PDB file of N, CA and C in Angstrom:
ATOM      1  N   MET A   1      30.515  90.903 125.094  1.00  0.00           N
ATOM      2  CA  MET A   1      29.163  90.400 124.978  1.00  0.00           C
ATOM      3  C   MET A   1      28.411  91.297 123.992  1.00  0.00           C
ATOM      4  N   ASN A   2      27.721  90.686 123.075  1.00  0.00           N
ATOM      5  CA  ASN A   2      26.934  91.430 122.089  1.00  0.00           C
ATOM      6  C   ASN A   2      25.701  92.015 122.774  1.00  0.00           C
ATOM      7  N   LYS A   3      25.589  93.340 122.787  1.00  0.00           N
ATOM      8  CA  LYS A   3      24.493  93.993 123.503  1.00  0.00           C
ATOM      9  C   LYS A   3      23.146  93.793 122.826  1.00  0.00           C
ATOM     10  N   LYS A   4      23.111  93.346 121.577  1.00  0.00           N
ATOM     11  CA  LYS A   4      21.842  93.213 120.869  1.00  0.00           C
ATOM     12  C   LYS A   4      21.206  91.847 121.063  1.00  0.00           C
ATOM     13  N   THR A   5      21.883  90.951 121.730  1.00  0.00           N
ATOM     14  CA  THR A   5      21.339  89.625 121.923  1.00  0.00           C
ATOM     15  C   THR A   5      20.425  89.562 123.141  1.00  0.00           C
ATOM     16  N   ASN A   6      19.468  88.658 123.071  1.00  0.00           N
ATOM     17  CA  ASN A   6      18.626  88.358 124.222  1.00  0.00           C
ATOM     18  C   ASN A   6      19.188  87.102 124.861  1.00  0.00           C
ATOM     19  N   LEU A   7      19.580  87.214 126.103  1.00  0.00           N
ATOM     20  CA  LEU A   7      20.251  86.117 126.786  1.00  0.00           C
ATOM     21  C   LEU A   7      19.574  85.760 128.093  1.00  0.00           C
ATOM     22  N   ARG A   8      19.648  84.484 128.404  1.00  0.00           N
ATOM     23  CA  ARG A   8      19.301  83.988 129.739  1.00  0.00           C
ATOM     24  C   ARG A   8      20.597  83.457 130.316  1.00  0.00           C
ATOM     25  N   ILE A   9      20.920  83.904 131.509  1.00  0.00           N
ATOM     26  CA  ILE A   9      22.186  83.499 132.125  1.00  0.00           C
ATOM     27  C   ILE A   9      21.921  83.023 133.548  1.00  0.00           C
ATOM     28  N   HIS A  10      22.624  81.962 133.922  1.00  0.00           N
ATOM     29  CA  HIS A  10      22.544  81.404 135.271  1.00  0.00           C
ATOM     30  C   HIS A  10      23.963  81.363 135.829  1.00  0.00           C
ATOM     31  N   GLY A  11      24.118  81.769 137.069  1.00  0.00           N
ATOM     32  CA  GLY A  11      25.427  81.695 137.700  1.00  0.00           C
ATOM     33  C   GLY A  11      25.308  81.550 139.201  1.00  0.00           C
ATOM     34  N   GLU A  12      26.378  81.048 139.789  1.00  0.00           N
ATOM     35  CA  GLU A  12      26.420  80.844 141.234  1.00  0.00           C
ATOM     36  C   GLU A  12      27.754  81.348 141.762  1.00  0.00           C
ATOM     37  N   TYR A  13      27.727  81.784 143.013  1.00  0.00           N
ATOM     38  CA  TYR A  13      28.934  82.287 143.666  1.00  0.00           C
ATOM     39  C   TYR A  13      28.879  81.889 145.129  1.00  0.00           C
ATOM     40  N   LYS A  14      29.949  81.292 145.604  1.00  0.00           N
ATOM     41  CA  LYS A  14      30.061  80.913 147.005  1.00  0.00           C
ATOM     42  C   LYS A  14      30.784  82.040 147.737  1.00  0.00           C
ATOM     43  N   VAL A  15      30.074  82.716 148.610  1.00  0.00           N
ATOM     44  CA  VAL A  15      30.630  83.821 149.385  1.00  0.00           C
ATOM     45  C   VAL A  15      31.671  83.269 150.357  1.00  0.00           C
ATOM     46  N   PRO A  16      32.811  83.960 150.502  1.00  0.00           N
ATOM     47  CA  PRO A  16      33.758  83.509 151.526  1.00  0.00           C
ATOM     48  C   PRO A  16      33.040  83.367 152.869  1.00  0.00           C
ATOM     49  N   GLY A  17      33.140  82.200 153.457  1.00  0.00           N
ATOM     50  CA  GLY A  17      32.403  81.924 154.678  1.00  0.00           C
ATOM     51  C   GLY A  17      31.285  80.929 154.436  1.00  0.00           C
ATOM     52  N   GLY A  18      30.972  80.645 153.153  1.00  0.00           N
ATOM     53  CA  GLY A  18      30.095  79.531 152.869  1.00  0.00           C
ATOM     54  C   GLY A  18      28.739  79.751 152.253  1.00  0.00           C
ATOM     55  N   LYS A  19      28.194  80.958 152.222  1.00  0.00           N
ATOM     56  CA  LYS A  19      26.849  81.166 151.679  1.00  0.00           C
ATOM     57  C   LYS A  19      26.879  81.164 150.151  1.00  0.00           C
ATOM     58  N   LEU A  20      25.840  80.583 149.563  1.00  0.00           N
ATOM     59  CA  LEU A  20      25.727  80.473 148.109  1.00  0.00           C
ATOM     60  C   LEU A  20      24.735  81.501 147.591  1.00  0.00           C
ATOM     61  N   ILE A  21      25.139  82.226 146.546  1.00  0.00           N
ATOM     62  CA  ILE A  21      24.240  83.154 145.860  1.00  0.00           C
ATOM     63  C   ILE A  21      24.027  82.612 144.456  1.00  0.00           C
ATOM     64  N   VAL A  22      22.770  82.505 144.065  1.00  0.00           N
ATOM     65  CA  VAL A  22      22.394  82.017 142.740  1.00  0.00           C
ATOM     66  C   VAL A  22      21.700  83.162 142.017  1.00  0.00           C
ATOM     67  N   VAL A  23      22.115  83.411 140.778  1.00  0.00           N
ATOM     68  CA  VAL A  23      21.521  84.487 139.987  1.00  0.00           C
ATOM     69  C   VAL A  23      21.064  83.925 138.649  1.00  0.00           C
ATOM     70  N   ASP A  24      19.810  84.179 138.317  1.00  0.00           N
ATOM     71  CA  ASP A  24      19.262  83.901 136.997  1.00  0.00           C
ATOM     72  C   ASP A  24      18.826  85.239 136.444  1.00  0.00           C
ATOM     73  N   LEU A  25      19.316  85.563 135.242  1.00  0.00           N
ATOM     74  CA  LEU A  25      18.946  86.860 134.685  1.00  0.00           C
ATOM     75  C   LEU A  25      18.686  86.765 133.195  1.00  0.00           C
ATOM     76  N   HIS A  26      17.874  87.686 132.735  1.00  0.00           N
ATOM     77  CA  HIS A  26      17.588  87.863 131.317  1.00  0.00           C
ATOM     78  C   HIS A  26      18.110  89.232 130.920  1.00  0.00           C
ATOM     79  N   ILE A  27      18.793  89.252 129.778  1.00  0.00           N
ATOM     80  CA  ILE A  27      19.343  90.495 129.255  1.00  0.00           C
ATOM     81  C   ILE A  27      18.872  90.644 127.817  1.00  0.00           C
ATOM     82  N   GLY A  28      18.417  91.825 127.483  1.00  0.00           N
ATOM     83  CA  GLY A  28      18.033  92.131 126.108  1.00  0.00           C
ATOM     84  C   GLY A  28      18.572  93.486 125.712  1.00  0.00           C
ATOM     85  N   ASN A  29      19.299  93.535 124.622  1.00  0.00           N
ATOM     86  CA  ASN A  29      19.859  94.801 124.124  1.00  0.00           C
ATOM     87  C   ASN A  29      20.692  95.523 125.171  1.00  0.00           C
ATOM     88  N   GLY A  30      21.452  94.746 125.955  1.00  0.00           N
ATOM     89  CA  GLY A  30      22.337  95.349 126.952  1.00  0.00           C
ATOM     90  C   GLY A  30      21.648  95.851 128.203  1.00  0.00           C
ATOM     91  N   ILE A  31      20.386  95.441 128.397  1.00  0.00           N
ATOM     92  CA  ILE A  31      19.576  95.903 129.533  1.00  0.00           C
ATOM     93  C   ILE A  31      19.134  94.697 130.369  1.00  0.00           C
ATOM     94  N   PHE A  32      19.177  94.854 131.698  1.00  0.00           N
ATOM     95  CA  PHE A  32      18.618  93.819 132.570  1.00  0.00           C
ATOM     96  C   PHE A  32      17.102  93.809 132.396  1.00  0.00           C
ATOM     97  N   ASN A  33      16.549  92.677 131.974  1.00  0.00           N
ATOM     98  CA  ASN A  33      15.104  92.547 131.825  1.00  0.00           C
ATOM     99  C   ASN A  33      14.464  91.852 133.016  1.00  0.00           C
ATOM    100  N   LYS A  34      15.162  90.892 133.564  1.00  0.00           N
ATOM    101  CA  LYS A  34      14.643  90.174 134.726  1.00  0.00           C
ATOM    102  C   LYS A  34      15.831  89.599 135.482  1.00  0.00           C
ATOM    103  N   VAL A  35      15.846  89.833 136.776  1.00  0.00           N
ATOM    104  CA  VAL A  35      16.897  89.288 137.630  1.00  0.00           C
ATOM    105  C   VAL A  35      16.223  88.571 138.789  1.00  0.00           C
ATOM    106  N   GLN A  36      16.654  87.338 139.017  1.00  0.00           N
ATOM    107  CA  GLN A  36      16.116  86.540 140.120  1.00  0.00           C
ATOM    108  C   GLN A  36      17.296  86.050 140.950  1.00  0.00           C
ATOM    109  N   ILE A  37      17.376  86.513 142.186  1.00  0.00           N
ATOM    110  CA  ILE A  37      18.455  86.141 143.092  1.00  0.00           C
ATOM    111  C   ILE A  37      17.890  85.190 144.136  1.00  0.00           C
ATOM    112  N   SER A  38      18.643  84.141 144.406  1.00  0.00           N
ATOM    113  CA  SER A  38      18.256  83.182 145.439  1.00  0.00           C
ATOM    114  C   SER A  38      19.538  82.613 146.040  1.00  0.00           C
ATOM    115  N   GLY A  39      19.403  81.699 146.980  1.00  0.00           N
ATOM    116  CA  GLY A  39      20.573  81.079 147.584  1.00  0.00           C
ATOM    117  C   GLY A  39      20.283  80.579 148.979  1.00  0.00           C
ATOM    118  N   ASP A  40      21.354  80.237 149.693  1.00  0.00           N
ATOM    119  CA  ASP A  40      21.194  79.698 151.049  1.00  0.00           C
ATOM    120  C   ASP A  40      21.475  80.746 152.121  1.00  0.00           C
ATOM    121  N   PHE A  41      21.138  81.970 151.810  1.00  0.00           N
ATOM    122  CA  PHE A  41      21.326  83.087 152.729  1.00  0.00           C
ATOM    123  C   PHE A  41      19.971  83.505 153.296  1.00  0.00           C
ATOM    124  N   PHE A  42      20.010  84.437 154.233  1.00  0.00           N
ATOM    125  CA  PHE A  42      18.783  84.952 154.833  1.00  0.00           C
ATOM    126  C   PHE A  42      18.755  86.470 154.724  1.00  0.00           C
ATOM    127  N   LEU A  43      17.563  86.997 154.621  1.00  0.00           N
ATOM    128  CA  LEU A  43      17.357  88.426 154.479  1.00  0.00           C
ATOM    129  C   LEU A  43      16.112  88.787 155.274  1.00  0.00           C
ATOM    130  N   ASN A  44      16.234  89.785 156.133  1.00  0.00           N
ATOM    131  CA  ASN A  44      15.083  90.254 156.907  1.00  0.00           C
ATOM    132  C   ASN A  44      14.808  91.704 156.578  1.00  0.00           C
ATOM    133  N   PRO A  45      13.600  92.060 156.222  1.00  0.00           N
ATOM    134  CA  PRO A  45      12.466  91.176 155.983  1.00  0.00           C
ATOM    135  C   PRO A  45      12.663  90.397 154.677  1.00  0.00           C
ATOM    136  N   PRO A  46      12.090  89.198 154.579  1.00  0.00           N
ATOM    137  CA  PRO A  46      12.284  88.360 153.391  1.00  0.00           C
ATOM    138  C   PRO A  46      11.871  89.039 152.080  1.00  0.00           C
ATOM    139  N   GLU A  47      10.852  89.887 152.128  1.00  0.00           N
ATOM    140  CA  GLU A  47      10.385  90.544 150.899  1.00  0.00           C
ATOM    141  C   GLU A  47      11.394  91.563 150.358  1.00  0.00           C
ATOM    142  N   ALA A  48      12.434  91.873 151.126  1.00  0.00           N
ATOM    143  CA  ALA A  48      13.481  92.770 150.633  1.00  0.00           C
ATOM    144  C   ALA A  48      14.149  92.190 149.389  1.00  0.00           C
ATOM    145  N   LEU A  49      14.165  90.869 149.278  1.00  0.00           N
ATOM    146  CA  LEU A  49      14.748  90.242 148.088  1.00  0.00           C
ATOM    147  C   LEU A  49      13.976  90.630 146.827  1.00  0.00           C
ATOM    148  N   ASP A  50      12.673  90.783 146.936  1.00  0.00           N
ATOM    149  CA  ASP A  50      11.873  91.241 145.791  1.00  0.00           C
ATOM    150  C   ASP A  50      12.296  92.641 145.363  1.00  0.00           C
ATOM    151  N   TYR A  51      12.563  93.505 146.318  1.00  0.00           N
ATOM    152  CA  TYR A  51      13.017  94.862 146.004  1.00  0.00           C
ATOM    153  C   TYR A  51      14.374  94.829 145.291  1.00  0.00           C
ATOM    154  N   ILE A  52      15.259  93.964 145.765  1.00  0.00           N
ATOM    155  CA  ILE A  52      16.571  93.846 145.131  1.00  0.00           C
ATOM    156  C   ILE A  52      16.411  93.379 143.681  1.00  0.00           C
ATOM    157  N   ASN A  53      15.623  92.320 143.484  1.00  0.00           N
ATOM    158  CA  ASN A  53      15.412  91.800 142.127  1.00  0.00           C
ATOM    159  C   ASN A  53      14.842  92.875 141.203  1.00  0.00           C
ATOM    160  N   GLN A  54      13.866  93.609 141.682  1.00  0.00           N
ATOM    161  CA  GLN A  54      13.212  94.627 140.858  1.00  0.00           C
ATOM    162  C   GLN A  54      14.111  95.822 140.576  1.00  0.00           C
ATOM    163  N   SER A  55      15.083  96.071 141.430  1.00  0.00           N
ATOM    164  CA  SER A  55      15.928  97.253 141.257  1.00  0.00           C
ATOM    165  C   SER A  55      16.799  97.174 139.998  1.00  0.00           C
ATOM    166  N   PHE A  56      17.004  95.984 139.457  1.00  0.00           N
ATOM    167  CA  PHE A  56      17.814  95.810 138.248  1.00  0.00           C
ATOM    168  C   PHE A  56      17.047  96.127 136.968  1.00  0.00           C
ATOM    169  N   GLU A  57      15.720  96.042 137.023  1.00  0.00           N
ATOM    170  CA  GLU A  57      14.889  96.162 135.819  1.00  0.00           C
ATOM    171  C   GLU A  57      15.174  97.432 135.028  1.00  0.00           C
ATOM    172  N   GLY A  58      15.478  97.254 133.752  1.00  0.00           N
ATOM    173  CA  GLY A  58      15.666  98.381 132.855  1.00  0.00           C
ATOM    174  C   GLY A  58      17.013  99.067 132.928  1.00  0.00           C
ATOM    175  N   LEU A  59      17.906  98.580 133.790  1.00  0.00           N
ATOM    176  CA  LEU A  59      19.233  99.195 133.916  1.00  0.00           C
ATOM    177  C   LEU A  59      20.201  98.581 132.903  1.00  0.00           C
ATOM    178  N   PRO A  60      21.156  99.358 132.430  1.00  0.00           N
ATOM    179  CA  PRO A  60      22.153  98.802 131.501  1.00  0.00           C
ATOM    180  C   PRO A  60      23.095  97.851 132.231  1.00  0.00           C
ATOM    181  N   ILE A  61      23.520  96.806 131.538  1.00  0.00           N
ATOM    182  CA  ILE A  61      24.396  95.822 132.189  1.00  0.00           C
ATOM    183  C   ILE A  61      25.780  96.390 132.501  1.00  0.00           C
ATOM    184  N   ASN A  62      26.152  97.490 131.869  1.00  0.00           N
ATOM    185  CA  ASN A  62      27.470  98.065 132.134  1.00  0.00           C
ATOM    186  C   ASN A  62      27.428  99.169 133.197  1.00  0.00           C
ATOM    187  N   ILE A  63      26.344  99.262 133.948  1.00  0.00           N
ATOM    188  CA  ILE A  63      26.245 100.230 135.038  1.00  0.00           C
ATOM    189  C   ILE A  63      27.323  99.908 136.078  1.00  0.00           C
ATOM    190  N   SER A  64      27.883 100.913 136.685  1.00  0.00           N
ATOM    191  CA  SER A  64      28.942 100.661 137.670  1.00  0.00           C
ATOM    192  C   SER A  64      28.358 100.024 138.929  1.00  0.00           C
ATOM    193  N   ASN A  65      29.201  99.228 139.590  1.00  0.00           N
ATOM    194  CA  ASN A  65      28.763  98.594 140.838  1.00  0.00           C
ATOM    195  C   ASN A  65      28.400  99.627 141.893  1.00  0.00           C
ATOM    196  N   MET A  66      29.123 100.736 141.941  1.00  0.00           N
ATOM    197  CA  MET A  66      28.850 101.766 142.938  1.00  0.00           C
ATOM    198  C   MET A  66      27.445 102.351 142.744  1.00  0.00           C
ATOM    199  N   ILE A  67      27.099 102.670 141.513  1.00  0.00           N
ATOM    200  CA  ILE A  67      25.770 103.235 141.249  1.00  0.00           C
ATOM    201  C   ILE A  67      24.697 102.181 141.487  1.00  0.00           C
ATOM    202  N   LEU A  68      24.940 100.965 141.034  1.00  0.00           N
ATOM    203  CA  LEU A  68      23.961  99.891 141.225  1.00  0.00           C
ATOM    204  C   LEU A  68      23.726  99.614 142.703  1.00  0.00           C
ATOM    205  N   LYS A  69      24.787  99.626 143.486  1.00  0.00           N
ATOM    206  CA  LYS A  69      24.641  99.414 144.940  1.00  0.00           C
ATOM    207  C   LYS A  69      23.775 100.511 145.552  1.00  0.00           C
ATOM    208  N   LYS A  70      23.992 101.761 145.140  1.00  0.00           N
ATOM    209  CA  LYS A  70      23.182 102.867 145.668  1.00  0.00           C
ATOM    210  C   LYS A  70      21.715 102.728 145.262  1.00  0.00           C
ATOM    211  N   ILE A  71      21.470 102.276 144.038  1.00  0.00           N
ATOM    212  CA  ILE A  71      20.087 102.063 143.581  1.00  0.00           C
ATOM    213  C   ILE A  71      19.423 100.978 144.424  1.00  0.00           C
ATOM    214  N   ILE A  72      20.122  99.866 144.628  1.00  0.00           N
ATOM    215  CA  ILE A  72      19.569  98.770 145.430  1.00  0.00           C
ATOM    216  C   ILE A  72      19.281  99.248 146.848  1.00  0.00           C
ATOM    217  N   GLU A  73      20.260  99.930 147.461  1.00  0.00           N
ATOM    218  CA  GLU A  73      20.080 100.407 148.843  1.00  0.00           C
ATOM    219  C   GLU A  73      18.892 101.355 148.956  1.00  0.00           C
ATOM    220  N   SER A  74      18.662 102.159 147.930  1.00  0.00           N
ATOM    221  CA  SER A  74      17.559 103.123 147.989  1.00  0.00           C
ATOM    222  C   SER A  74      16.185 102.456 147.907  1.00  0.00           C
ATOM    223  N   THR A  75      16.130 101.212 147.436  1.00  0.00           N
ATOM    224  CA  THR A  75      14.840 100.515 147.324  1.00  0.00           C
ATOM    225  C   THR A  75      14.505  99.680 148.553  1.00  0.00           C
ATOM    226  N   LEU A  76      15.487  99.454 149.415  1.00  0.00           N
ATOM    227  CA  LEU A  76      15.292  98.548 150.553  1.00  0.00           C
ATOM    228  C   LEU A  76      14.654  99.239 151.750  1.00  0.00           C
ATOM    229  N   PRO A  77      13.840  98.476 152.483  1.00  0.00           N
ATOM    230  CA  PRO A  77      13.341  99.013 153.757  1.00  0.00           C
ATOM    231  C   PRO A  77      14.530  99.334 154.673  1.00  0.00           C
ATOM    232  N   ILE A  78      14.402 100.379 155.473  1.00  0.00           N
ATOM    233  CA  ILE A  78      15.500 100.832 156.333  1.00  0.00           C
ATOM    234  C   ILE A  78      16.009  99.719 157.245  1.00  0.00           C
ATOM    235  N   GLU A  79      15.119  98.896 157.723  1.00  0.00           N
ATOM    236  CA  GLU A  79      15.504  97.876 158.699  1.00  0.00           C
ATOM    237  C   GLU A  79      16.029  96.586 158.068  1.00  0.00           C
ATOM    238  N   THR A  80      16.360  96.584 156.779  1.00  0.00           N
ATOM    239  CA  THR A  80      16.827  95.374 156.100  1.00  0.00           C
ATOM    240  C   THR A  80      18.122  94.867 156.727  1.00  0.00           C
ATOM    241  N   GLU A  81      18.126  93.562 157.001  1.00  0.00           N
ATOM    242  CA  GLU A  81      19.288  92.912 157.586  1.00  0.00           C
ATOM    243  C   GLU A  81      19.734  91.775 156.678  1.00  0.00           C
ATOM    244  N   PHE A  82      21.004  91.807 156.269  1.00  0.00           N
ATOM    245  CA  PHE A  82      21.596  90.761 155.442  1.00  0.00           C
ATOM    246  C   PHE A  82      22.286  89.764 156.356  1.00  0.00           C
ATOM    247  N   LEU A  83      21.986  88.482 156.186  1.00  0.00           N
ATOM    248  CA  LEU A  83      22.585  87.447 157.024  1.00  0.00           C
ATOM    249  C   LEU A  83      23.336  86.461 156.124  1.00  0.00           C
ATOM    250  N   GLY A  84      24.650  86.517 156.156  1.00  0.00           N
ATOM    251  CA  GLY A  84      25.473  85.599 155.381  1.00  0.00           C
ATOM    252  C   GLY A  84      25.922  86.116 154.035  1.00  0.00           C
ATOM    253  N   PHE A  85      25.542  87.337 153.685  1.00  0.00           N
ATOM    254  CA  PHE A  85      25.965  87.936 152.426  1.00  0.00           C
ATOM    255  C   PHE A  85      25.709  89.426 152.470  1.00  0.00           C
ATOM    256  N   GLN A  86      26.202  90.126 151.450  1.00  0.00           N
ATOM    257  CA  GLN A  86      26.023  91.573 151.329  1.00  0.00           C
ATOM    258  C   GLN A  86      25.635  91.901 149.888  1.00  0.00           C
ATOM    259  N   ILE A  87      25.214  93.128 149.656  1.00  0.00           N
ATOM    260  CA  ILE A  87      24.895  93.568 148.295  1.00  0.00           C
ATOM    261  C   ILE A  87      26.110  93.374 147.395  1.00  0.00           C
ATOM    262  N   SER A  88      27.292  93.656 147.902  1.00  0.00           N
ATOM    263  CA  SER A  88      28.508  93.512 147.091  1.00  0.00           C
ATOM    264  C   SER A  88      28.702  92.078 146.605  1.00  0.00           C
ATOM    265  N   ASP A  89      28.237  91.093 147.368  1.00  0.00           N
ATOM    266  CA  ASP A  89      28.325  89.697 146.939  1.00  0.00           C
ATOM    267  C   ASP A  89      27.389  89.420 145.759  1.00  0.00           C
ATOM    268  N   ILE A  90      26.221  90.027 145.768  1.00  0.00           N
ATOM    269  CA  ILE A  90      25.297  89.897 144.636  1.00  0.00           C
ATOM    270  C   ILE A  90      25.937  90.500 143.387  1.00  0.00           C
ATOM    271  N   LEU A  91      26.497  91.690 143.529  1.00  0.00           N
ATOM    272  CA  LEU A  91      27.122  92.366 142.399  1.00  0.00           C
ATOM    273  C   LEU A  91      28.312  91.569 141.873  1.00  0.00           C
ATOM    274  N   GLU A  92      29.088  90.986 142.759  1.00  0.00           N
ATOM    275  CA  GLU A  92      30.223  90.147 142.364  1.00  0.00           C
ATOM    276  C   GLU A  92      29.741  88.940 141.561  1.00  0.00           C
ATOM    277  N   THR A  93      28.661  88.324 142.005  1.00  0.00           N
ATOM    278  CA  THR A  93      28.098  87.182 141.291  1.00  0.00           C
ATOM    279  C   THR A  93      27.684  87.576 139.881  1.00  0.00           C
ATOM    280  N   ILE A  94      26.998  88.684 139.761  1.00  0.00           N
ATOM    281  CA  ILE A  94      26.523  89.143 138.450  1.00  0.00           C
ATOM    282  C   ILE A  94      27.705  89.481 137.541  1.00  0.00           C
ATOM    283  N   ARG A  95      28.697  90.167 138.054  1.00  0.00           N
ATOM    284  CA  ARG A  95      29.854  90.519 137.216  1.00  0.00           C
ATOM    285  C   ARG A  95      30.594  89.279 136.741  1.00  0.00           C
ATOM    286  N   LYS A  96      30.719  88.267 137.602  1.00  0.00           N
ATOM    287  CA  LYS A  96      31.389  87.033 137.210  1.00  0.00           C
ATOM    288  C   LYS A  96      30.638  86.318 136.085  1.00  0.00           C
ATOM    289  N   ILE A  97      29.324  86.274 136.159  1.00  0.00           N
ATOM    290  CA  ILE A  97      28.591  85.538 135.136  1.00  0.00           C
ATOM    291  C   ILE A  97      28.432  86.330 133.843  1.00  0.00           C
ATOM    292  N   LEU A  98      28.634  87.638 133.901  1.00  0.00           N
ATOM    293  CA  LEU A  98      28.542  88.443 132.681  1.00  0.00           C
ATOM    294  C   LEU A  98      29.849  88.411 131.875  1.00  0.00           C
ATOM    295  N   LYS A  99      30.929  87.926 132.482  1.00  0.00           N
ATOM    296  CA  LYS A  99      32.219  87.882 131.755  1.00  0.00           C
ATOM    297  C   LYS A  99      32.203  86.823 130.683  1.00  0.00           C
TER     298      LYS A  99
END
């Protein structure tokens, strides 16, 4: 992928067990500019999804999943509960659509 291009990308991933994760993202110069995650999953508290979306801002697209997962976890409220998916499923969706 050419890192100097500005791209809008849409992708979907069906988590084993049935939940759908939808990702819309903007990339500019190899950097996440905007990430919007949605799907048929549940997250408590619901506003935790905003924290996840914002955690990508300004990060390079080639950041490792391990570091990205730690960044996301550090932004979430302690009591965050994932229902039907995990952070790793979000990362898997993003990696698939970036290929």
